[in-house]
Amino acid sequence: MEKYRILVVDDEEDLCEILQFNLESEGFLVDIAYSAEEALEKLDTQHKLILLDIMMEGMSGFKMAEKVRKGMNLQIPIIFLTAKDTENDMLTGFSVGGDDYISKPFSVKEVIARVKAVLKRAASKQQMPPKDCIEFGELAIFVDSKTILVDTAPIQLTKKEFEIIYMLAQTPKRIFSREEILNQIWEEDGNVLERTVDVHITRLRKKLGSAGKYIVNRSGYGYCFDY
């Protein structure tokens, strides 16, 4: 059985030791970093998940997650650990690419259960072949033919509009910042403004008609597909 390697990042040494002991008792391989800066130096493709504290001296967990996702282009699952428990913190965590969010104080059993669940989802996602059609209610997105149907009627979209709806619909409820959308959809053009994203999504919603309601604006954070 494969042993998953986990990187635990927290400036509380006692907590790191507790997590390391219990995760290793469950069969995981565990590396420890006491700061985001140290973690970025240790992180490599052998790690299958990051347990990441948000509030640390120096670089925050949110900033590290952004560097992992955008600077290093790694899709490794990230579970945030935080003493805060507010909706804004949760939204920020998900908007920078977090996969789960655990509030302190927590039980070690809860952490282990969340770790196993996130790793299982990640493994299932890798093993699943890409679907040719993504369906939500009256909306159908045909990936290979780049076709959109709303109530069985074809909708004419530009290449960028299709790429936006496909990007959002692949991971429902995950919030994408305008910067993330720009980086993925307009990666070849660094001169495009974030306002361009808003303009394209406004047009996209209008073209989608009744299905436009699935593209939701999370004020101050970005957009998500919410069905």
Protein backbone atom coordinates (compact mmCIF):
# COMPACT_ATOMS: atom_id res chain seq x y z
CA MET A 1 0.00 0.00 0.00
CA GLU A 2 1.33 3.44 -0.96
CA LYS A 3 2.36 5.65 1.95
CA TYR A 4 1.28 9.24 1.39
CA ARG A 5 3.77 11.97 2.31
CA ILE A 6 2.26 14.99 4.07
CA LEU A 7 3.82 18.38 4.79
CA VAL A 8 2.65 19.93 8.09
CA VAL A 9 3.23 23.69 8.28
CA ASP A 10 2.63 25.44 11.62
CA ASP A 11 4.72 27.69 13.88
CA GLU A 12 3.47 25.84 16.99
CA GLU A 13 6.14 23.18 17.50
CA ASP A 14 4.08 21.18 20.01
CA LEU A 15 1.16 20.98 17.62
CA CYS A 16 3.44 19.87 14.79
CA GLU A 17 4.83 17.09 16.95
CA ILE A 18 1.34 15.91 17.92
CA LEU A 19 0.17 15.89 14.31
CA GLN A 20 3.33 14.16 13.12
CA PHE A 21 3.07 11.41 15.76
CA ASN A 22 -0.59 10.69 15.09
CA LEU A 23 -0.39 10.88 11.30
CA GLU A 24 2.64 8.59 11.26
CA SER A 25 0.70 6.20 13.52
CA GLU A 26 -1.90 6.08 10.73
CA GLY A 27 0.76 5.11 8.20
CA PHE A 28 1.55 8.51 6.67
CA LEU A 29 5.01 9.91 6.07
CA VAL A 30 5.21 13.37 7.63
CA ASP A 31 7.56 16.31 7.09
CA ILE A 32 7.43 19.39 9.34
CA ALA A 33 8.01 23.06 8.58
CA TYR A 34 7.68 25.83 11.19
CA SER A 35 7.12 28.63 8.67
CA ALA A 36 5.74 29.10 5.16
CA GLU A 37 9.21 30.09 3.96
CA GLU A 38 10.70 26.83 5.24
CA ALA A 39 7.78 24.87 3.80
CA LEU A 40 8.29 26.28 0.30
CA GLU A 41 11.92 25.13 0.43
CA LYS A 42 10.91 21.60 1.51
CA LEU A 43 7.86 21.15 -0.71
CA ASP A 44 8.29 18.83 -3.68
CA THR A 45 6.25 16.48 -5.86
CA GLN A 46 6.59 13.66 -3.31
CA HIS A 47 4.17 15.48 -1.01
CA LYS A 48 0.55 14.50 -1.55
CA LEU A 49 -1.10 16.97 0.87
CA ILE A 50 -0.29 20.10 2.89
CA LEU A 51 -1.69 20.81 6.36
CA LEU A 52 -1.20 24.57 6.47
CA ASP A 53 -1.66 27.01 9.34
CA ILE A 54 -2.99 30.41 8.25
CA MET A 55 -1.68 32.75 10.97
CA MET A 56 2.12 32.50 11.13
CA GLU A 57 4.92 35.01 11.54
CA GLY A 58 6.32 36.12 8.21
CA MET A 59 4.43 34.72 5.24
CA SER A 60 0.82 33.72 5.95
CA GLY A 61 -0.70 30.40 4.98
CA PHE A 62 -2.91 32.15 2.41
CA LYS A 63 0.15 33.71 0.75
CA MET A 64 1.95 30.37 0.69
CA ALA A 65 -1.08 28.71 -0.90
CA GLU A 66 -1.09 31.35 -3.64
CA LYS A 67 2.59 30.68 -4.32
CA VAL A 68 1.99 26.92 -4.46
CA ARG A 69 -0.94 27.29 -6.86
CA LYS A 70 0.29 30.14 -9.07
CA GLY A 71 4.05 30.38 -8.66
CA MET A 72 4.80 26.64 -8.51
CA ASN A 73 1.68 25.53 -10.43
CA LEU A 74 1.12 22.60 -8.05
CA GLN A 75 -2.38 21.19 -7.53
CA ILE A 76 -1.46 19.36 -4.32
CA PRO A 77 -4.42 19.32 -1.88
CA ILE A 78 -4.25 21.93 0.90
CA ILE A 79 -6.10 21.77 4.22
CA PHE A 80 -5.99 25.04 6.16
CA LEU A 81 -5.59 25.05 9.95
CA THR A 82 -6.68 28.21 11.71
CA ALA A 83 -7.71 29.67 15.05
CA LYS A 84 -10.18 31.85 13.16
CA ASP A 85 -13.65 30.62 12.26
CA THR A 86 -15.38 33.18 10.10
CA GLU A 87 -17.06 32.94 6.73
CA ASN A 88 -14.62 35.45 5.23
CA ASP A 89 -11.64 33.34 6.28
CA MET A 90 -13.23 30.24 4.79
CA LEU A 91 -13.99 32.03 1.53
CA THR A 92 -10.45 33.37 1.36
CA GLY A 93 -9.08 29.89 1.98
CA PHE A 94 -11.12 28.36 -0.81
CA SER A 95 -10.45 31.26 -3.18
CA VAL A 96 -6.68 30.70 -2.97
CA GLY A 97 -7.03 27.01 -3.72
CA GLY A 98 -7.73 25.37 -0.37
CA ASP A 99 -9.48 21.99 -0.37
CA ASP A 100 -10.66 21.98 3.24
CA TYR A 101 -10.63 24.13 6.37
CA ILE A 102 -10.25 23.02 10.01
CA SER A 103 -10.76 25.44 12.90
CA LYS A 104 -8.63 25.27 16.05
CA PRO A 105 -8.98 23.78 18.56
CA PHE A 106 -9.61 20.50 16.77
CA SER A 107 -9.38 16.82 17.62
CA VAL A 108 -6.60 14.79 16.05
CA LYS A 109 -9.22 12.27 14.94
CA GLU A 110 -10.98 15.02 12.97
CA VAL A 111 -7.74 16.01 11.25
CA ILE A 112 -6.98 12.40 10.29
CA ALA A 113 -10.51 11.90 8.96
CA ARG A 114 -10.30 15.10 6.88
CA VAL A 115 -6.86 14.17 5.55
CA LYS A 116 -8.08 10.75 4.44
CA ALA A 117 -11.20 12.23 2.83
CA VAL A 118 -9.28 14.87 0.87
CA LEU A 119 -6.67 12.35 -0.31
CA LYS A 120 -9.44 9.99 -1.39
CA ARG A 121 -11.15 12.75 -3.39
CA ALA A 122 -7.86 13.72 -5.01
CA ALA A 123 -7.11 10.12 -5.98
CA SER A 124 -10.61 9.62 -7.40
CA LYS A 125 -10.32 12.80 -9.45
CA GLN A 126 -7.04 11.62 -10.96
CA GLN A 127 -8.43 8.19 -11.84
CA MET A 128 -11.68 9.42 -13.39
CA PRO A 129 -11.55 9.91 -17.16
CA PRO A 130 -12.65 13.37 -18.26
CA LYS A 131 -16.36 13.56 -18.98
CA ASP A 132 -17.40 14.63 -22.45
CA CYS A 133 -20.56 16.23 -21.07
CA ILE A 134 -21.05 18.21 -17.86
CA GLU A 135 -24.71 18.69 -16.96
CA PHE A 136 -26.38 20.95 -14.39
CA GLY A 137 -30.14 21.30 -14.66
CA GLU A 138 -30.96 22.84 -18.03
CA LEU A 139 -27.28 23.43 -18.84
CA ALA A 140 -25.15 20.93 -20.77
CA ILE A 141 -21.48 21.53 -21.59
CA PHE A 142 -20.02 19.26 -24.28
CA VAL A 143 -16.26 19.33 -23.80
CA ASP A 144 -15.01 17.73 -27.03
CA SER A 145 -17.24 19.68 -29.39
CA LYS A 146 -17.06 22.90 -27.31
CA THR A 147 -20.85 23.12 -27.43
CA ILE A 148 -23.24 24.59 -24.86
CA LEU A 149 -26.94 23.70 -24.66
CA VAL A 150 -29.52 25.41 -22.47
CA ASP A 151 -32.86 23.59 -22.45
CA THR A 152 -31.54 21.62 -25.48
CA ALA A 153 -31.02 24.86 -27.46
CA PRO A 154 -27.43 25.57 -28.65
CA ILE A 155 -25.78 28.73 -27.30
CA GLN A 156 -23.15 30.53 -29.34
CA LEU A 157 -20.17 31.44 -27.16
CA THR A 158 -16.77 32.89 -27.92
CA LYS A 159 -13.69 30.76 -27.16
CA LYS A 160 -12.97 32.73 -23.97
CA GLU A 161 -16.60 32.50 -22.79
CA PHE A 162 -16.59 28.73 -23.25
CA GLU A 163 -13.29 28.41 -21.41
CA ILE A 164 -14.65 30.43 -18.48
CA ILE A 165 -17.86 28.41 -18.05
CA TYR A 166 -15.95 25.14 -18.44
CA MET A 167 -13.35 26.21 -15.87
CA LEU A 168 -16.00 27.17 -13.29
CA ALA A 169 -18.27 24.15 -13.93
CA GLN A 170 -15.45 21.62 -13.48
CA THR A 171 -15.27 22.40 -9.75
CA PRO A 172 -18.66 23.66 -8.55
CA LYS A 173 -18.67 25.96 -5.49
CA ARG A 174 -14.90 26.57 -5.70
CA ILE A 175 -14.28 30.32 -5.82
CA PHE A 176 -11.93 31.55 -8.52
CA SER A 177 -10.44 35.02 -8.09
CA ARG A 178 -10.36 37.32 -11.09
CA GLU A 179 -6.59 36.95 -11.09
CA GLU A 180 -6.86 33.16 -11.26
CA ILE A 181 -9.29 33.38 -14.17
CA LEU A 182 -7.00 35.81 -15.98
CA ASN A 183 -3.98 33.57 -15.43
CA GLN A 184 -5.73 30.50 -16.81
CA ILE A 185 -7.87 31.95 -19.60
CA TRP A 186 -5.62 34.81 -20.73
CA GLU A 187 -2.29 33.23 -19.78
CA GLU A 188 -0.70 34.35 -23.06
CA ASP A 189 -1.63 38.01 -22.53
CA GLY A 190 -0.31 39.71 -19.42
CA ASN A 191 -1.81 43.09 -20.33
CA VAL A 192 -5.46 42.12 -19.81
CA LEU A 193 -7.18 43.88 -16.88
CA GLU A 194 -9.26 42.14 -14.21
CA ARG A 195 -12.24 44.17 -15.41
CA THR A 196 -12.12 42.06 -18.57
CA VAL A 197 -13.22 39.06 -16.52
CA ASP A 198 -16.31 40.92 -15.27
CA VAL A 199 -17.23 42.02 -18.81
CA HIS A 200 -16.92 38.49 -20.21
CA ILE A 201 -18.94 36.96 -17.36
CA THR A 202 -21.69 39.58 -17.77
CA ARG A 203 -21.96 38.67 -21.45
CA LEU A 204 -21.78 34.96 -20.65
CA ARG A 205 -24.61 35.15 -18.13
CA LYS A 206 -26.77 37.01 -20.63
CA LYS A 207 -26.15 34.42 -23.35
CA LEU A 208 -26.87 31.53 -20.97
CA GLY A 209 -30.28 32.95 -20.07
CA SER A 210 -31.88 30.88 -17.30
CA ALA A 211 -28.60 29.01 -16.73
CA GLY A 212 -26.73 32.26 -16.12
CA LYS A 213 -27.81 32.09 -12.48
CA TYR A 214 -25.29 29.30 -11.89
CA ILE A 215 -22.38 31.74 -12.24
CA VAL A 216 -22.27 33.47 -8.86
CA ASN A 217 -20.24 36.52 -7.84
CA ARG A 218 -18.72 36.26 -4.35
CA SER A 219 -18.17 39.92 -3.56
CA GLY A 220 -14.54 40.72 -2.91
CA TYR A 221 -13.36 37.23 -3.87
CA GLY A 222 -14.35 36.30 -7.40
CA TYR A 223 -16.71 33.88 -9.13
CA CYS A 224 -17.91 30.33 -8.67
CA PHE A 225 -20.32 27.90 -10.27
CA ASP A 226 -23.09 27.21 -7.77
CA TYR A 227 -25.81 24.75 -8.72
